[in-house]
């Protein structure tokens, strides 16, 4: 019998020390004030949408478009990537 496939991409191969440093960096980033505000807004929007009876399964709230979009679309920023997101193009 074949093993079930794992969700997500390939896991980074980090040393234990590097993994600990990365976890610390990720935690600091996730707990910044702007991220906390976006998480709270997302929860409010999801609760309101469910109350209205909208089907939001598999969707995330996009703070730029101000609506629910597929997770895939939201992560990739519509095919443009997120490296320069929020910065002016030269």
C-alpha atoms as a PDB file:
ATOM      1  CA  UNK A   1       0.000   0.000   0.000  1.00  0.00           C
ATOM      2  CA  UNK A   2       1.350   3.428  -0.984  1.00  0.00           C
ATOM      3  CA  UNK A   3       2.014   6.138   1.587  1.00  0.00           C
ATOM      4  CA  UNK A   4      -0.444   9.043   1.594  1.00  0.00           C
ATOM      5  CA  UNK A   5       1.001  12.220   0.102  1.00  0.00           C
ATOM      6  CA  UNK A   6       1.960  15.033   2.465  1.00  0.00           C
ATOM      7  CA  UNK A   7       0.345  18.431   2.063  1.00  0.00           C
ATOM      8  CA  UNK A   8       2.568  21.399   1.328  1.00  0.00           C
ATOM      9  CA  UNK A   9       5.874  21.733  -0.454  1.00  0.00           C
ATOM     10  CA  UNK A  10       9.221  20.203   0.364  1.00  0.00           C
ATOM     11  CA  UNK A  11      10.439  20.755   3.907  1.00  0.00           C
ATOM     12  CA  UNK A  12      13.525  22.911   4.329  1.00  0.00           C
ATOM     13  CA  UNK A  13      16.575  20.952   5.364  1.00  0.00           C
ATOM     14  CA  UNK A  14      17.886  23.033   8.259  1.00  0.00           C
ATOM     15  CA  UNK A  15      20.187  22.222  11.097  1.00  0.00           C
ATOM     16  CA  UNK A  16      18.481  22.209  14.509  1.00  0.00           C
ATOM     17  CA  UNK A  17      20.098  25.545  15.377  1.00  0.00           C
ATOM     18  CA  UNK A  18      19.027  27.116  12.079  1.00  0.00           C
ATOM     19  CA  UNK A  19      15.493  25.734  12.474  1.00  0.00           C
ATOM     20  CA  UNK A  20      15.275  27.328  15.922  1.00  0.00           C
ATOM     21  CA  UNK A  21      16.459  30.699  14.578  1.00  0.00           C
ATOM     22  CA  UNK A  22      13.992  30.491  11.679  1.00  0.00           C
ATOM     23  CA  UNK A  23      11.117  29.639  14.024  1.00  0.00           C
ATOM     24  CA  UNK A  24      12.032  32.656  16.124  1.00  0.00           C
ATOM     25  CA  UNK A  25      12.149  34.949  13.045  1.00  0.00           C
ATOM     26  CA  UNK A  26       8.831  33.588  11.765  1.00  0.00           C
ATOM     27  CA  UNK A  27       7.207  34.051  15.170  1.00  0.00           C
ATOM     28  CA  UNK A  28       8.409  37.667  15.406  1.00  0.00           C
ATOM     29  CA  UNK A  29       7.059  38.381  11.914  1.00  0.00           C
ATOM     30  CA  UNK A  30       3.711  36.735  12.613  1.00  0.00           C
ATOM     31  CA  UNK A  31       3.231  38.690  15.838  1.00  0.00           C
ATOM     32  CA  UNK A  32       3.885  42.174  14.476  1.00  0.00           C
ATOM     33  CA  UNK A  33       1.081  44.652  15.022  1.00  0.00           C
ATOM     34  CA  UNK A  34       0.126  44.819  11.317  1.00  0.00           C
ATOM     35  CA  UNK A  35      -0.109  41.000  11.067  1.00  0.00           C
ATOM     36  CA  UNK A  36      -2.210  40.806  14.240  1.00  0.00           C
ATOM     37  CA  UNK A  37      -4.560  43.444  12.818  1.00  0.00           C
ATOM     38  CA  UNK A  38      -4.902  41.527   9.541  1.00  0.00           C
ATOM     39  CA  UNK A  39      -5.563  38.242  11.368  1.00  0.00           C
ATOM     40  CA  UNK A  40      -8.254  39.893  13.493  1.00  0.00           C
ATOM     41  CA  UNK A  41      -9.825  41.500  10.410  1.00  0.00           C
ATOM     42  CA  UNK A  42      -9.764  38.160   8.592  1.00  0.00           C
ATOM     43  CA  UNK A  43     -11.555  36.447  11.483  1.00  0.00           C
ATOM     44  CA  UNK A  44     -14.226  39.180  11.608  1.00  0.00           C
ATOM     45  CA  UNK A  45     -14.783  38.945   7.839  1.00  0.00           C
ATOM     46  CA  UNK A  46     -14.950  35.115   7.896  1.00  0.00           C
ATOM     47  CA  UNK A  47     -17.495  35.110  10.735  1.00  0.00           C
ATOM     48  CA  UNK A  48     -19.620  37.743   8.973  1.00  0.00           C
ATOM     49  CA  UNK A  49     -19.489  35.845   5.655  1.00  0.00           C
ATOM     50  CA  UNK A  50     -20.490  32.568   7.320  1.00  0.00           C
ATOM     51  CA  UNK A  51     -23.366  34.356   9.055  1.00  0.00           C
ATOM     52  CA  UNK A  52     -24.553  35.612   5.632  1.00  0.00           C
ATOM     53  CA  UNK A  53     -24.400  32.042   4.330  1.00  0.00           C
ATOM     54  CA  UNK A  54     -21.541  32.594   1.864  1.00  0.00           C
ATOM     55  CA  UNK A  55     -19.445  29.606   0.852  1.00  0.00           C
ATOM     56  CA  UNK A  56     -15.883  30.613   1.774  1.00  0.00           C
ATOM     57  CA  UNK A  57     -14.377  27.124   1.976  1.00  0.00           C
ATOM     58  CA  UNK A  58     -10.855  27.122   0.533  1.00  0.00           C
ATOM     59  CA  UNK A  59     -10.744  30.914   0.348  1.00  0.00           C
ATOM     60  CA  UNK A  60      -8.763  33.615   2.160  1.00  0.00           C
ATOM     61  CA  UNK A  61      -9.637  37.258   2.635  1.00  0.00           C
ATOM     62  CA  UNK A  62      -7.461  39.409   0.378  1.00  0.00           C
ATOM     63  CA  UNK A  63      -6.725  42.705   2.121  1.00  0.00           C
ATOM     64  CA  UNK A  64      -5.753  44.332  -1.179  1.00  0.00           C
ATOM     65  CA  UNK A  65      -8.859  43.351  -3.167  1.00  0.00           C
ATOM     66  CA  UNK A  66     -11.106  43.546  -0.086  1.00  0.00           C
ATOM     67  CA  UNK A  67     -12.834  40.249  -0.866  1.00  0.00           C
ATOM     68  CA  UNK A  68     -12.463  36.485  -0.499  1.00  0.00           C
ATOM     69  CA  UNK A  69     -10.298  34.814  -3.128  1.00  0.00           C
ATOM     70  CA  UNK A  70      -8.868  31.315  -3.605  1.00  0.00           C
ATOM     71  CA  UNK A  71      -5.865  30.596  -1.397  1.00  0.00           C
ATOM     72  CA  UNK A  72      -3.733  29.950  -4.496  1.00  0.00           C
ATOM     73  CA  UNK A  73      -4.581  33.360  -5.948  1.00  0.00           C
ATOM     74  CA  UNK A  74      -3.974  35.177  -2.684  1.00  0.00           C
ATOM     75  CA  UNK A  75      -0.593  33.551  -2.008  1.00  0.00           C
ATOM     76  CA  UNK A  76       0.821  34.297  -5.451  1.00  0.00           C
ATOM     77  CA  UNK A  77      -0.536  37.836  -5.687  1.00  0.00           C
ATOM     78  CA  UNK A  78      -2.263  37.132  -8.991  1.00  0.00           C
ATOM     79  CA  UNK A  79       0.866  35.714 -10.659  1.00  0.00           C
ATOM     80  CA  UNK A  80       3.017  38.768  -9.875  1.00  0.00           C
ATOM     81  CA  UNK A  81       4.629  37.310  -6.770  1.00  0.00           C
ATOM     82  CA  UNK A  82       4.953  39.098  -3.462  1.00  0.00           C
ATOM     83  CA  UNK A  83       8.545  40.327  -3.527  1.00  0.00           C
ATOM     84  CA  UNK A  84       7.649  43.889  -4.502  1.00  0.00           C
ATOM     85  CA  UNK A  85       4.176  43.924  -3.009  1.00  0.00           C
ATOM     86  CA  UNK A  86       3.289  47.327  -1.571  1.00  0.00           C
ATOM     87  CA  UNK A  87       6.317  49.043  -3.168  1.00  0.00           C
ATOM     88  CA  UNK A  88       6.247  51.435  -6.093  1.00  0.00           C
ATOM     89  CA  UNK A  89       7.581  50.056  -9.359  1.00  0.00           C
ATOM     90  CA  UNK A  90      10.415  51.989 -11.015  1.00  0.00           C
END
